[in-house]
């Protein structure tokens, strides 16, 4: 039989499998109702890139032979296609679709029109990123160790955390055994012109690009496939490179324990004052274009169970720090889920389903306290609660720093009074902060900015120490979750 070429999405629609309304256009996978186990909710994950499916609620024997043709065969005939005449199953499928032999040409055209470049599977991402983080010249340097120690992590924990450092690009080019060879190749093959003409690479120095080539060469030398790995791109048709920024590399770990992404804490923020950047090569040749930002899951036990206390926050590094301090407070079975941005909830429905399957029924929202006064964060927090509730998990709010909350409420109440906005206190300082913020926002009155030497700056929940997690402040104040 010719190579199977019918998109699994066509089969999903043919079989009438109900899609989740939360599916995202262009995503590498979609959620549908499972036609086999009948479990409530959208429990079947359909990988539209690799044309396979998986349902965590189905028995183990149903989780084998899960290709597109098997999905059709199991639903229509009751048996996987490998137990039947695959040519006959394929012929029947084509007839039912009404496309016959023309289907292959149609699908080749549709794939050509899809300009997205999708990530590799999680095992391939894990292999590439672990090899990257273990490159000897990217060993975590002292300044980054001290930065993490100031956040409360002990050095022995830091050394076990798979963090790495990317020094200035010139350092790698100067010290790497192949640095001169790559430099000579760079200048003799017109790479400088490529860099200058690229809207992305023109923001980098030539030695950063050269350092990225050296890193890609070393990984390829280990047999690592860089296709579909965010952060890597082709500088020429034959040569790969790594998008290089000086800073600290922070791994993003999946629910199953695979490293599926990297966040760079830049030593120097961007012009837009951004310091934490998800590693990406979007906009560069062969760079992954979708599904780049992943959700980080840090947990203390080998597996999450009904006894695990689950917290939700923002940022992988923050999750690692909070996990450690929760364990220090005596919680031995705890997990911290970290979004890459409060609105980036693409993976949360699937994670919530897995948590529910493991017996978890309650999770705790542990975003920084600006969730009370930042309307965007508050709205994202509400959306997150709905997603978890749909999976049978209630989300409770974790709050701390009650003394500062009183001061913040007084500040906002005075601003409301100055602008003749009526407000009646409910007695709950945290809730009142949110209500006041909403009232001020509706009237287009700034409440989250202040001026220093004539320059407007963001006034976050705790301006003088923002960036050092609020939870650590709560510990310093003797407030325990």
Foldseek 3Di string as FASTA:
>chain_A
DPDDQAFLVLVCVLLPWAWDPLDDPPDQWTFTQDPPPRDPDRQKIAGRVQQFIDGPPDDPVVRPLGHSLQSNCCSPPVGGCVVDPVVVSVQVVCVSSVQPPCNNVVRVVVVVVPPFFAADDLVLLLLLLLVLLPDVVFAADDVVLVVLVVLPDDSVVVNVQSKTFDAPLVVCLVPPPCNVVLVVVCVVVVLVVLQCPAPPSVVDDPSQFSSFQVSQVVSVVVVRDCQRHFQKAASDPPGIGGRGAGAMWHFAADLQGGRNWIWGQHPDADPVRHRIHTRGDPSGHSTGPDPRFDKHKDWQDNHAALLEAEEEEADRSVQVSVRVVVVVVPRRTYMYIHGPDLQRCSCVLNVLLVNVVRNHAEYEYDYALCCLQDVVNVVSVVVSQVSNVSNRHGYHYDDADVVLLVVLLVLLVVVCVVVVHDDDDPPDSSNSNNVSNVVCVVVVHDDQWDADPRDIDGRGSPNVDPVSGPVVVRVVVVHDD
